[in-house]
Amino acid sequence: MSDRRANKYQPALVLLHWTLAWFIPASLAFGFLVLAKTPNTDPRKLDMLQWHMGLGMAILAAMGVRLVVRWRSARPAPAGLGTPASARAAGWAHVAFYVLVFGMAITGYATGLLARLNEIVFARSGAPLPPTFDAYPTFHAHGWIAMLLAVLIALHAAGALWHWLGRHDGVMRRMGLGGRRVD
């Protein structure tokens, strides 16, 4: 990792950030508002699970690439409110994003394995879905992590809006597309 600080994030990080900023909330909303309300006996649930699980694996892959690019590229100093404590809090929030997203993927994948969803959903073996996923502790962990991730996304968006509309401190420009200057 480089010690150099840039005034903007590396363009690949920006692209991955905004891609994930759409995909993660879409997957969370779909899980909370559609999947959770659709009974496992509904024949459409297989297609819904296939979409949700496929998007989850795409999110995992993008987060893995993002982590590698982040480790290997220069980036701006941590955003904060000008105090060391606020900069540390911003840094910890970003670490929490990685932990929660990887936790979502791990618990979702584990639930899929336990419920044999690879055979039921992707191979279309003809076997029915389990009546409920409540029997799997990984399913409950997946739900709790989803709630924590939704709260963290809301706080992140609120903080970004505060920097943009309240402080006018240029923090939002760092995640914009365009040229990158290293100071």
N, C-alpha and C. Protein backbone atom coordinates (compact mmCIF):
# COMPACT_ATOMS: atom_id res chain seq x y z
N MET A 1 0.84 -1.17 0.00
CA MET A 1 0.00 0.00 0.00
C MET A 1 0.89 1.24 0.00
N SER A 2 0.47 2.25 -0.70
CA SER A 2 1.25 3.46 -0.84
C SER A 2 0.95 4.44 0.30
N ASP A 3 1.95 5.26 0.65
CA ASP A 3 1.75 6.31 1.64
C ASP A 3 1.19 7.57 1.00
N ARG A 4 1.25 7.65 -0.32
CA ARG A 4 0.79 8.85 -1.01
C ARG A 4 -0.71 9.04 -0.79
N ARG A 5 -1.11 10.29 -0.68
CA ARG A 5 -2.52 10.62 -0.54
C ARG A 5 -2.96 11.33 -1.82
N ALA A 6 -4.05 10.90 -2.37
CA ALA A 6 -4.63 11.53 -3.55
C ALA A 6 -5.79 12.41 -3.09
N ASN A 7 -6.18 13.35 -3.95
CA ASN A 7 -7.34 14.15 -3.57
C ASN A 7 -8.63 13.49 -4.05
N LYS A 8 -8.49 12.42 -4.84
CA LYS A 8 -9.65 11.63 -5.28
C LYS A 8 -9.30 10.16 -5.18
N TYR A 9 -10.35 9.35 -5.09
CA TYR A 9 -10.13 7.91 -5.11
C TYR A 9 -9.79 7.45 -6.52
N GLN A 10 -9.09 6.35 -6.62
CA GLN A 10 -8.73 5.73 -7.89
C GLN A 10 -10.02 5.47 -8.68
N PRO A 11 -10.04 5.74 -10.00
CA PRO A 11 -11.28 5.59 -10.78
C PRO A 11 -11.94 4.21 -10.67
N ALA A 12 -11.16 3.14 -10.56
CA ALA A 12 -11.77 1.81 -10.40
C ALA A 12 -12.52 1.72 -9.08
N LEU A 13 -11.98 2.36 -8.03
CA LEU A 13 -12.68 2.37 -6.74
C LEU A 13 -13.99 3.16 -6.83
N VAL A 14 -13.94 4.25 -7.57
CA VAL A 14 -15.15 5.07 -7.74
C VAL A 14 -16.22 4.26 -8.47
N LEU A 15 -15.83 3.62 -9.56
CA LEU A 15 -16.78 2.81 -10.32
C LEU A 15 -17.35 1.68 -9.47
N LEU A 16 -16.49 0.99 -8.74
CA LEU A 16 -16.96 -0.09 -7.88
C LEU A 16 -17.85 0.43 -6.75
N HIS A 17 -17.49 1.58 -6.19
CA HIS A 17 -18.31 2.18 -5.13
C HIS A 17 -19.73 2.42 -5.62
N TRP A 18 -19.86 3.10 -6.76
CA TRP A 18 -21.20 3.45 -7.24
C TRP A 18 -21.96 2.23 -7.75
N THR A 19 -21.27 1.26 -8.30
CA THR A 19 -21.94 0.01 -8.70
C THR A 19 -22.49 -0.69 -7.47
N LEU A 20 -21.67 -0.81 -6.45
CA LEU A 20 -22.11 -1.45 -5.21
C LEU A 20 -23.17 -0.61 -4.49
N ALA A 21 -23.10 0.71 -4.65
CA ALA A 21 -24.09 1.59 -4.03
C ALA A 21 -25.48 1.36 -4.62
N TRP A 22 -25.56 0.80 -5.80
CA TRP A 22 -26.85 0.44 -6.39
C TRP A 22 -27.19 -1.01 -6.07
N PHE A 23 -26.23 -1.90 -6.24
CA PHE A 23 -26.51 -3.34 -6.11
C PHE A 23 -26.81 -3.78 -4.68
N ILE A 24 -26.08 -3.25 -3.70
CA ILE A 24 -26.29 -3.70 -2.32
C ILE A 24 -27.67 -3.26 -1.81
N PRO A 25 -28.04 -1.98 -1.94
CA PRO A 25 -29.40 -1.63 -1.49
C PRO A 25 -30.49 -2.35 -2.29
N ALA A 26 -30.26 -2.59 -3.59
CA ALA A 26 -31.25 -3.32 -4.38
C ALA A 26 -31.43 -4.73 -3.85
N SER A 27 -30.33 -5.40 -3.53
CA SER A 27 -30.41 -6.75 -3.00
C SER A 27 -31.05 -6.76 -1.61
N LEU A 28 -30.70 -5.78 -0.78
CA LEU A 28 -31.32 -5.69 0.55
C LEU A 28 -32.82 -5.44 0.44
N ALA A 29 -33.20 -4.48 -0.40
CA ALA A 29 -34.62 -4.17 -0.56
C ALA A 29 -35.38 -5.37 -1.11
N PHE A 30 -34.79 -6.05 -2.07
CA PHE A 30 -35.44 -7.23 -2.64
C PHE A 30 -35.61 -8.31 -1.57
N GLY A 31 -34.60 -8.50 -0.74
CA GLY A 31 -34.68 -9.49 0.33
C GLY A 31 -35.74 -9.13 1.36
N PHE A 32 -35.73 -7.87 1.81
CA PHE A 32 -36.69 -7.43 2.84
C PHE A 32 -38.12 -7.34 2.31
N LEU A 33 -38.28 -6.78 1.12
CA LEU A 33 -39.62 -6.43 0.63
C LEU A 33 -40.26 -7.47 -0.27
N VAL A 34 -39.46 -8.33 -0.89
CA VAL A 34 -40.03 -9.31 -1.82
C VAL A 34 -39.81 -10.73 -1.31
N LEU A 35 -38.55 -11.12 -1.16
CA LEU A 35 -38.27 -12.50 -0.75
C LEU A 35 -38.91 -12.86 0.60
N ALA A 36 -38.76 -11.99 1.56
CA ALA A 36 -39.28 -12.28 2.90
C ALA A 36 -40.80 -12.43 2.91
N LYS A 37 -41.47 -11.77 1.97
CA LYS A 37 -42.93 -11.80 1.93
C LYS A 37 -43.49 -12.89 1.00
N THR A 38 -42.61 -13.54 0.25
CA THR A 38 -43.05 -14.57 -0.69
C THR A 38 -42.88 -15.94 -0.05
N PRO A 39 -43.97 -16.70 0.08
CA PRO A 39 -43.84 -18.03 0.71
C PRO A 39 -42.99 -18.97 -0.15
N ASN A 40 -42.33 -19.89 0.50
CA ASN A 40 -41.47 -20.85 -0.21
C ASN A 40 -42.28 -21.78 -1.12
N THR A 41 -43.57 -21.82 -0.94
CA THR A 41 -44.42 -22.66 -1.80
C THR A 41 -44.76 -21.96 -3.13
N ASP A 42 -44.50 -20.66 -3.22
CA ASP A 42 -44.78 -19.91 -4.45
C ASP A 42 -43.77 -20.32 -5.51
N PRO A 43 -44.21 -20.80 -6.68
CA PRO A 43 -43.27 -21.26 -7.71
C PRO A 43 -42.33 -20.15 -8.21
N ARG A 44 -42.72 -18.90 -8.07
CA ARG A 44 -41.86 -17.78 -8.51
C ARG A 44 -40.66 -17.60 -7.59
N LYS A 45 -40.72 -18.18 -6.41
CA LYS A 45 -39.65 -17.99 -5.43
C LYS A 45 -38.31 -18.52 -5.95
N LEU A 46 -38.33 -19.59 -6.76
CA LEU A 46 -37.07 -20.13 -7.30
C LEU A 46 -36.36 -19.09 -8.16
N ASP A 47 -37.11 -18.43 -9.04
CA ASP A 47 -36.50 -17.40 -9.89
C ASP A 47 -36.01 -16.22 -9.05
N MET A 48 -36.80 -15.87 -8.03
CA MET A 48 -36.40 -14.77 -7.14
C MET A 48 -35.11 -15.11 -6.40
N LEU A 49 -35.02 -16.32 -5.89
CA LEU A 49 -33.81 -16.74 -5.18
C LEU A 49 -32.61 -16.80 -6.12
N GLN A 50 -32.84 -17.25 -7.34
CA GLN A 50 -31.75 -17.31 -8.31
C GLN A 50 -31.20 -15.90 -8.57
N TRP A 51 -32.08 -14.95 -8.75
CA TRP A 51 -31.66 -13.57 -8.97
C TRP A 51 -30.92 -13.03 -7.75
N HIS A 52 -31.50 -13.21 -6.56
CA HIS A 52 -30.93 -12.69 -5.32
C HIS A 52 -29.56 -13.32 -5.03
N MET A 53 -29.47 -14.63 -5.20
CA MET A 53 -28.21 -15.32 -4.93
C MET A 53 -27.14 -14.96 -5.96
N GLY A 54 -27.55 -14.84 -7.21
CA GLY A 54 -26.60 -14.43 -8.25
C GLY A 54 -26.07 -13.03 -8.01
N LEU A 55 -26.96 -12.12 -7.64
CA LEU A 55 -26.53 -10.75 -7.33
C LEU A 55 -25.63 -10.75 -6.10
N GLY A 56 -25.94 -11.58 -5.12
CA GLY A 56 -25.10 -11.68 -3.93
C GLY A 56 -23.68 -12.11 -4.28
N MET A 57 -23.55 -13.08 -5.16
CA MET A 57 -22.21 -13.53 -5.58
C MET A 57 -21.49 -12.45 -6.40
N ALA A 58 -22.24 -11.70 -7.21
CA ALA A 58 -21.64 -10.59 -7.96
C ALA A 58 -21.16 -9.50 -7.01
N ILE A 59 -21.94 -9.22 -5.97
CA ILE A 59 -21.55 -8.24 -4.96
C ILE A 59 -20.28 -8.70 -4.25
N LEU A 60 -20.24 -9.97 -3.89
CA LEU A 60 -19.05 -10.52 -3.24
C LEU A 60 -17.82 -10.36 -4.13
N ALA A 61 -17.95 -10.69 -5.40
CA ALA A 61 -16.81 -10.56 -6.32
C ALA A 61 -16.38 -9.09 -6.44
N ALA A 62 -17.34 -8.18 -6.59
CA ALA A 62 -17.01 -6.76 -6.71
C ALA A 62 -16.35 -6.24 -5.43
N MET A 63 -16.82 -6.69 -4.27
CA MET A 63 -16.21 -6.27 -3.01
C MET A 63 -14.79 -6.80 -2.89
N GLY A 64 -14.57 -8.02 -3.36
CA GLY A 64 -13.22 -8.58 -3.34
C GLY A 64 -12.28 -7.77 -4.22
N VAL A 65 -12.72 -7.43 -5.41
CA VAL A 65 -11.91 -6.60 -6.32
C VAL A 65 -11.69 -5.24 -5.69
N ARG A 66 -12.74 -4.67 -5.10
CA ARG A 66 -12.63 -3.34 -4.48
C ARG A 66 -11.61 -3.35 -3.34
N LEU A 67 -11.61 -4.41 -2.56
CA LEU A 67 -10.66 -4.51 -1.45
C LEU A 67 -9.23 -4.55 -1.97
N VAL A 68 -8.98 -5.33 -3.00
CA VAL A 68 -7.63 -5.43 -3.57
C VAL A 68 -7.20 -4.08 -4.15
N VAL A 69 -8.09 -3.44 -4.92
CA VAL A 69 -7.74 -2.14 -5.51
C VAL A 69 -7.50 -1.11 -4.41
N ARG A 70 -8.30 -1.15 -3.37
CA ARG A 70 -8.13 -0.20 -2.27
C ARG A 70 -6.78 -0.38 -1.58
N TRP A 71 -6.38 -1.65 -1.36
CA TRP A 71 -5.08 -1.91 -0.74
C TRP A 71 -3.92 -1.42 -1.60
N ARG A 72 -4.09 -1.47 -2.90
CA ARG A 72 -2.98 -1.21 -3.81
C ARG A 72 -2.94 0.20 -4.37
N SER A 73 -3.88 1.06 -4.00
CA SER A 73 -3.91 2.39 -4.61
C SER A 73 -3.86 3.48 -3.55
N ALA A 74 -3.42 4.65 -4.00
CA ALA A 74 -3.42 5.83 -3.13
C ALA A 74 -4.86 6.28 -2.94
N ARG A 75 -5.13 6.87 -1.81
CA ARG A 75 -6.48 7.36 -1.53
C ARG A 75 -6.40 8.60 -0.66
N PRO A 76 -7.48 9.37 -0.65
CA PRO A 76 -7.49 10.58 0.18
C PRO A 76 -7.40 10.24 1.66
N ALA A 77 -7.03 11.23 2.45
CA ALA A 77 -7.06 11.06 3.90
C ALA A 77 -8.48 10.74 4.32
N PRO A 78 -8.66 10.03 5.42
CA PRO A 78 -10.02 9.69 5.87
C PRO A 78 -10.88 10.94 6.06
N ALA A 79 -12.14 10.81 5.67
CA ALA A 79 -13.08 11.92 5.86
C ALA A 79 -13.48 11.96 7.33
N GLY A 80 -13.73 13.11 7.79
CA GLY A 80 -14.17 13.28 9.16
C GLY A 80 -14.66 14.70 9.32
N LEU A 81 -14.79 15.13 10.53
CA LEU A 81 -15.25 16.49 10.80
C LEU A 81 -14.09 17.35 11.30
N GLY A 82 -12.88 16.94 10.94
CA GLY A 82 -11.72 17.72 11.32
C GLY A 82 -11.09 17.29 12.63
N THR A 83 -11.62 16.25 13.25
CA THR A 83 -11.04 15.77 14.50
C THR A 83 -10.51 14.36 14.28
N PRO A 84 -9.49 13.98 15.03
CA PRO A 84 -8.99 12.61 14.90
C PRO A 84 -10.06 11.56 15.19
N ALA A 85 -10.94 11.83 16.15
CA ALA A 85 -11.99 10.86 16.50
C ALA A 85 -12.96 10.66 15.33
N SER A 86 -13.34 11.75 14.65
CA SER A 86 -14.28 11.61 13.54
C SER A 86 -13.62 10.91 12.35
N ALA A 87 -12.32 11.14 12.15
CA ALA A 87 -11.60 10.43 11.08
C ALA A 87 -11.52 8.93 11.39
N ARG A 88 -11.27 8.60 12.65
CA ARG A 88 -11.25 7.18 13.05
C ARG A 88 -12.62 6.54 12.87
N ALA A 89 -13.68 7.26 13.25
CA ALA A 89 -15.04 6.74 13.09
C ALA A 89 -15.35 6.47 11.62
N ALA A 90 -14.96 7.38 10.75
CA ALA A 90 -15.18 7.19 9.32
C ALA A 90 -14.41 5.97 8.82
N GLY A 91 -13.18 5.81 9.29
CA GLY A 91 -12.38 4.65 8.90
C GLY A 91 -13.01 3.34 9.37
N TRP A 92 -13.48 3.34 10.62
CA TRP A 92 -14.12 2.13 11.15
C TRP A 92 -15.42 1.82 10.43
N ALA A 93 -16.13 2.85 10.01
CA ALA A 93 -17.38 2.62 9.25
C ALA A 93 -17.08 1.92 7.94
N HIS A 94 -15.99 2.30 7.29
CA HIS A 94 -15.63 1.64 6.03
C HIS A 94 -15.19 0.19 6.26
N VAL A 95 -14.48 -0.05 7.34
CA VAL A 95 -14.13 -1.44 7.70
C VAL A 95 -15.41 -2.24 7.95
N ALA A 96 -16.36 -1.62 8.64
CA ALA A 96 -17.63 -2.29 8.93
C ALA A 96 -18.37 -2.66 7.65
N PHE A 97 -18.30 -1.81 6.62
CA PHE A 97 -18.92 -2.16 5.33
C PHE A 97 -18.35 -3.46 4.79
N TYR A 98 -17.04 -3.57 4.78
CA TYR A 98 -16.42 -4.79 4.27
C TYR A 98 -16.83 -6.01 5.10
N VAL A 99 -16.77 -5.88 6.42
CA VAL A 99 -17.11 -6.99 7.30
C VAL A 99 -18.56 -7.41 7.09
N LEU A 100 -19.47 -6.45 7.05
CA LEU A 100 -20.89 -6.78 6.90
C LEU A 100 -21.21 -7.37 5.53
N VAL A 101 -20.63 -6.80 4.48
CA VAL A 101 -20.92 -7.34 3.14
C VAL A 101 -20.35 -8.75 3.00
N PHE A 102 -19.14 -8.97 3.47
CA PHE A 102 -18.58 -10.32 3.42
C PHE A 102 -19.38 -11.26 4.32
N GLY A 103 -19.83 -10.76 5.47
CA GLY A 103 -20.68 -11.56 6.35
C GLY A 103 -22.01 -11.93 5.69
N MET A 104 -22.58 -10.99 4.95
CA MET A 104 -23.82 -11.28 4.21
C MET A 104 -23.59 -12.41 3.21
N ALA A 105 -22.50 -12.31 2.46
CA ALA A 105 -22.21 -13.33 1.45
C ALA A 105 -21.96 -14.69 2.09
N ILE A 106 -21.22 -14.70 3.18
CA ILE A 106 -20.90 -15.98 3.85
C ILE A 106 -22.16 -16.62 4.42
N THR A 107 -22.99 -15.83 5.11
CA THR A 107 -24.19 -16.41 5.69
C THR A 107 -25.22 -16.79 4.63
N GLY A 108 -25.29 -16.01 3.56
CA GLY A 108 -26.19 -16.37 2.47
C GLY A 108 -25.75 -17.65 1.78
N TYR A 109 -24.46 -17.75 1.52
CA TYR A 109 -23.91 -18.95 0.89
C TYR A 109 -24.09 -20.17 1.79
N ALA A 110 -23.83 -19.98 3.08
CA ALA A 110 -23.98 -21.10 4.03
C ALA A 110 -25.43 -21.56 4.11
N THR A 111 -26.36 -20.61 4.12
CA THR A 111 -27.78 -20.98 4.13
C THR A 111 -28.13 -21.75 2.86
N GLY A 112 -27.61 -21.28 1.74
CA GLY A 112 -27.85 -21.98 0.47
C GLY A 112 -27.34 -23.41 0.50
N LEU A 113 -26.15 -23.61 1.06
CA LEU A 113 -25.60 -24.97 1.16
C LEU A 113 -26.43 -25.83 2.10
N LEU A 114 -26.77 -25.29 3.27
CA LEU A 114 -27.55 -26.06 4.24
C LEU A 114 -28.93 -26.45 3.70
N ALA A 115 -29.54 -25.54 2.95
CA ALA A 115 -30.88 -25.79 2.41
C ALA A 115 -30.83 -26.47 1.04
N ARG A 116 -29.61 -26.76 0.56
CA ARG A 116 -29.41 -27.41 -0.74
C ARG A 116 -29.98 -26.57 -1.89
N LEU A 117 -29.86 -25.26 -1.77
CA LEU A 117 -30.40 -24.37 -2.79
C LEU A 117 -29.64 -24.46 -4.11
N ASN A 118 -28.37 -24.88 -4.05
CA ASN A 118 -27.63 -25.05 -5.30
C ASN A 118 -28.32 -26.07 -6.20
N GLU A 119 -28.85 -27.14 -5.62
CA GLU A 119 -29.56 -28.16 -6.40
C GLU A 119 -30.97 -27.70 -6.75
N ILE A 120 -31.66 -27.10 -5.79
CA ILE A 120 -33.06 -26.73 -5.98
C ILE A 120 -33.20 -25.52 -6.91
N VAL A 121 -32.40 -24.49 -6.68
CA VAL A 121 -32.56 -23.23 -7.40
C VAL A 121 -31.79 -23.23 -8.72
N PHE A 122 -30.53 -23.63 -8.68
CA PHE A 122 -29.71 -23.51 -9.89
C PHE A 122 -29.78 -24.74 -10.78
N ALA A 123 -29.79 -25.92 -10.20
CA ALA A 123 -29.86 -27.14 -11.02
C ALA A 123 -31.31 -27.52 -11.33
N ARG A 124 -32.25 -26.86 -10.65
CA ARG A 124 -33.68 -27.12 -10.85
C ARG A 124 -33.98 -28.62 -10.80
N SER A 125 -33.57 -29.21 -9.67
CA SER A 125 -33.70 -30.66 -9.47
C SER A 125 -35.15 -31.11 -9.33
N GLY A 126 -36.04 -30.18 -9.16
CA GLY A 126 -37.44 -30.54 -8.96
C GLY A 126 -37.81 -30.70 -7.49
N ALA A 127 -36.80 -30.72 -6.63
CA ALA A 127 -37.06 -30.81 -5.19
C ALA A 127 -37.67 -29.49 -4.73
N PRO A 128 -38.59 -29.55 -3.79
CA PRO A 128 -39.21 -28.31 -3.31
C PRO A 128 -38.26 -27.56 -2.37
N LEU A 129 -38.51 -26.28 -2.24
CA LEU A 129 -37.81 -25.50 -1.23
C LEU A 129 -38.25 -25.99 0.15
N PRO A 130 -37.40 -25.84 1.15
CA PRO A 130 -37.85 -26.16 2.51
C PRO A 130 -39.06 -25.28 2.84
N PRO A 131 -39.95 -25.74 3.70
CA PRO A 131 -41.13 -24.92 4.02
C PRO A 131 -40.76 -23.53 4.53
N THR A 132 -39.64 -23.44 5.23
CA THR A 132 -39.14 -22.17 5.75
C THR A 132 -37.63 -22.29 5.90
N PHE A 133 -36.97 -21.15 5.95
CA PHE A 133 -35.53 -21.15 6.18
C PHE A 133 -35.20 -20.90 7.66
N ASP A 134 -36.23 -20.78 8.47
CA ASP A 134 -36.04 -20.47 9.90
C ASP A 134 -35.23 -21.52 10.66
N ALA A 135 -35.15 -22.73 10.16
CA ALA A 135 -34.41 -23.78 10.85
C ALA A 135 -32.90 -23.58 10.76
N TYR A 136 -32.45 -22.68 9.89
CA TYR A 136 -31.02 -22.49 9.66
C TYR A 136 -30.52 -21.26 10.41
N PRO A 137 -29.62 -21.43 11.38
CA PRO A 137 -29.08 -20.27 12.12
C PRO A 137 -28.41 -19.27 11.18
N THR A 138 -27.83 -19.75 10.10
CA THR A 138 -27.17 -18.85 9.16
C THR A 138 -28.18 -17.91 8.50
N PHE A 139 -29.42 -18.37 8.34
CA PHE A 139 -30.48 -17.53 7.77
C PHE A 139 -30.79 -16.37 8.71
N HIS A 140 -30.85 -16.66 10.00
CA HIS A 140 -31.12 -15.59 10.97
C HIS A 140 -29.95 -14.62 11.03
N ALA A 141 -28.73 -15.13 10.96
CA ALA A 141 -27.55 -14.26 10.93
C ALA A 141 -27.58 -13.37 9.68
N HIS A 142 -27.98 -13.95 8.56
CA HIS A 142 -28.09 -13.21 7.30
C HIS A 142 -29.07 -12.04 7.47
N GLY A 143 -30.18 -12.28 8.12
CA GLY A 143 -31.17 -11.23 8.35
C GLY A 143 -30.67 -10.13 9.27
N TRP A 144 -29.99 -10.52 10.35
CA TRP A 144 -29.45 -9.52 11.28
C TRP A 144 -28.36 -8.69 10.63
N ILE A 145 -27.50 -9.34 9.89
CA ILE A 145 -26.44 -8.60 9.20
C ILE A 145 -27.06 -7.66 8.18
N ALA A 146 -28.11 -8.10 7.49
CA ALA A 146 -28.80 -7.25 6.52
C ALA A 146 -29.34 -5.98 7.20
N MET A 147 -29.91 -6.15 8.38
CA MET A 147 -30.43 -4.98 9.10
C MET A 147 -29.31 -4.03 9.50
N LEU A 148 -28.21 -4.59 10.01
CA LEU A 148 -27.06 -3.74 10.37
C LEU A 148 -26.49 -3.03 9.15
N LEU A 149 -26.41 -3.74 8.05
CA LEU A 149 -25.90 -3.14 6.82
C LEU A 149 -26.82 -2.03 6.33
N ALA A 150 -28.13 -2.23 6.41
CA ALA A 150 -29.07 -1.19 6.00
C ALA A 150 -28.91 0.07 6.87
N VAL A 151 -28.72 -0.12 8.18
CA VAL A 151 -28.50 1.02 9.07
C VAL A 151 -27.19 1.72 8.71
N LEU A 152 -26.13 0.96 8.48
CA LEU A 152 -24.84 1.56 8.13
C LEU A 152 -24.93 2.32 6.81
N ILE A 153 -25.65 1.79 5.83
CA ILE A 153 -25.83 2.48 4.55
C ILE A 153 -26.57 3.80 4.78
N ALA A 154 -27.61 3.78 5.59
CA ALA A 154 -28.35 5.00 5.88
C ALA A 154 -27.46 6.04 6.56
N LEU A 155 -26.64 5.61 7.52
CA LEU A 155 -25.72 6.54 8.19
C LEU A 155 -24.67 7.07 7.22
N HIS A 156 -24.16 6.19 6.35
CA HIS A 156 -23.17 6.60 5.35
C HIS A 156 -23.76 7.64 4.41
N ALA A 157 -24.98 7.39 3.93
CA ALA A 157 -25.64 8.33 3.02
C ALA A 157 -25.91 9.66 3.73
N ALA A 158 -26.33 9.60 4.99
CA ALA A 158 -26.58 10.82 5.76
C ALA A 158 -25.27 11.61 5.95
N GLY A 159 -24.19 10.90 6.24
CA GLY A 159 -22.90 11.56 6.39
C GLY A 159 -22.43 12.20 5.09
N ALA A 160 -22.63 11.48 3.98
CA ALA A 160 -22.25 12.04 2.68
C ALA A 160 -23.07 13.29 2.37
N LEU A 161 -24.37 13.23 2.64
CA LEU A 161 -25.22 14.41 2.41
C LEU A 161 -24.82 15.57 3.31
N TRP A 162 -24.43 15.27 4.55
CA TRP A 162 -23.98 16.31 5.47
C TRP A 162 -22.71 16.99 4.93
N HIS A 163 -21.76 16.19 4.45
CA HIS A 163 -20.55 16.78 3.88
C HIS A 163 -20.88 17.63 2.65
N TRP A 164 -21.79 17.14 1.82
CA TRP A 164 -22.11 17.80 0.57
C TRP A 164 -22.96 19.06 0.79
N LEU A 165 -24.06 18.92 1.54
CA LEU A 165 -25.01 20.02 1.68
C LEU A 165 -24.78 20.87 2.92
N GLY A 166 -24.23 20.27 3.98
CA GLY A 166 -24.05 21.00 5.23
C GLY A 166 -22.69 21.65 5.36
N ARG A 167 -21.66 20.87 5.12
CA ARG A 167 -20.30 21.37 5.33
C ARG A 167 -19.67 21.97 4.07
N HIS A 168 -20.12 21.53 2.91
CA HIS A 168 -19.56 22.01 1.63
C HIS A 168 -18.03 21.91 1.64
N ASP A 169 -17.53 20.78 2.13
CA ASP A 169 -16.09 20.63 2.32
C ASP A 169 -15.37 19.86 1.21
N GLY A 170 -16.06 19.51 0.15
CA GLY A 170 -15.42 18.84 -0.97
C GLY A 170 -15.24 17.35 -0.82
N VAL A 171 -15.69 16.76 0.27
CA VAL A 171 -15.52 15.32 0.48
C VAL A 171 -16.21 14.53 -0.63
N MET A 172 -17.36 14.99 -1.08
CA MET A 172 -18.10 14.26 -2.12
C MET A 172 -17.36 14.23 -3.46
N ARG A 173 -16.57 15.26 -3.75
CA ARG A 173 -15.81 15.27 -5.01
C ARG A 173 -14.80 14.13 -5.07
N ARG A 174 -14.37 13.65 -3.92
CA ARG A 174 -13.37 12.57 -3.90
C ARG A 174 -13.92 11.28 -4.49
N MET A 175 -15.24 11.09 -4.44
CA MET A 175 -15.86 9.86 -4.95
C MET A 175 -16.54 10.12 -6.29
N GLY A 176 -16.23 11.27 -6.93
CA GLY A 176 -16.79 11.56 -8.24
C GLY A 176 -15.92 10.99 -9.34
N LEU A 177 -16.51 10.80 -10.49
CA LEU A 177 -15.75 10.32 -11.64
C LEU A 177 -14.94 11.48 -12.20
N GLY A 178 -13.82 11.17 -12.79
CA GLY A 178 -13.00 12.22 -13.38
C GLY A 178 -11.54 12.04 -13.04
N GLY A 179 -10.77 13.06 -13.32
CA GLY A 179 -9.33 13.01 -13.13
C GLY A 179 -8.93 12.87 -11.68
N ARG A 180 -7.69 12.45 -11.47
CA ARG A 180 -7.16 12.21 -10.12
C ARG A 180 -5.80 12.87 -10.03
N ARG A 181 -5.62 13.72 -9.04
CA ARG A 181 -4.35 14.39 -8.85
C ARG A 181 -3.73 13.91 -7.55
N VAL A 182 -2.47 13.57 -7.58
CA VAL A 182 -1.76 13.18 -6.36
C VAL A 182 -0.98 14.39 -5.88
N ASP A 183 -1.20 14.74 -4.61
CA ASP A 183 -0.51 15.92 -4.02
C ASP A 183 0.90 15.56 -3.63
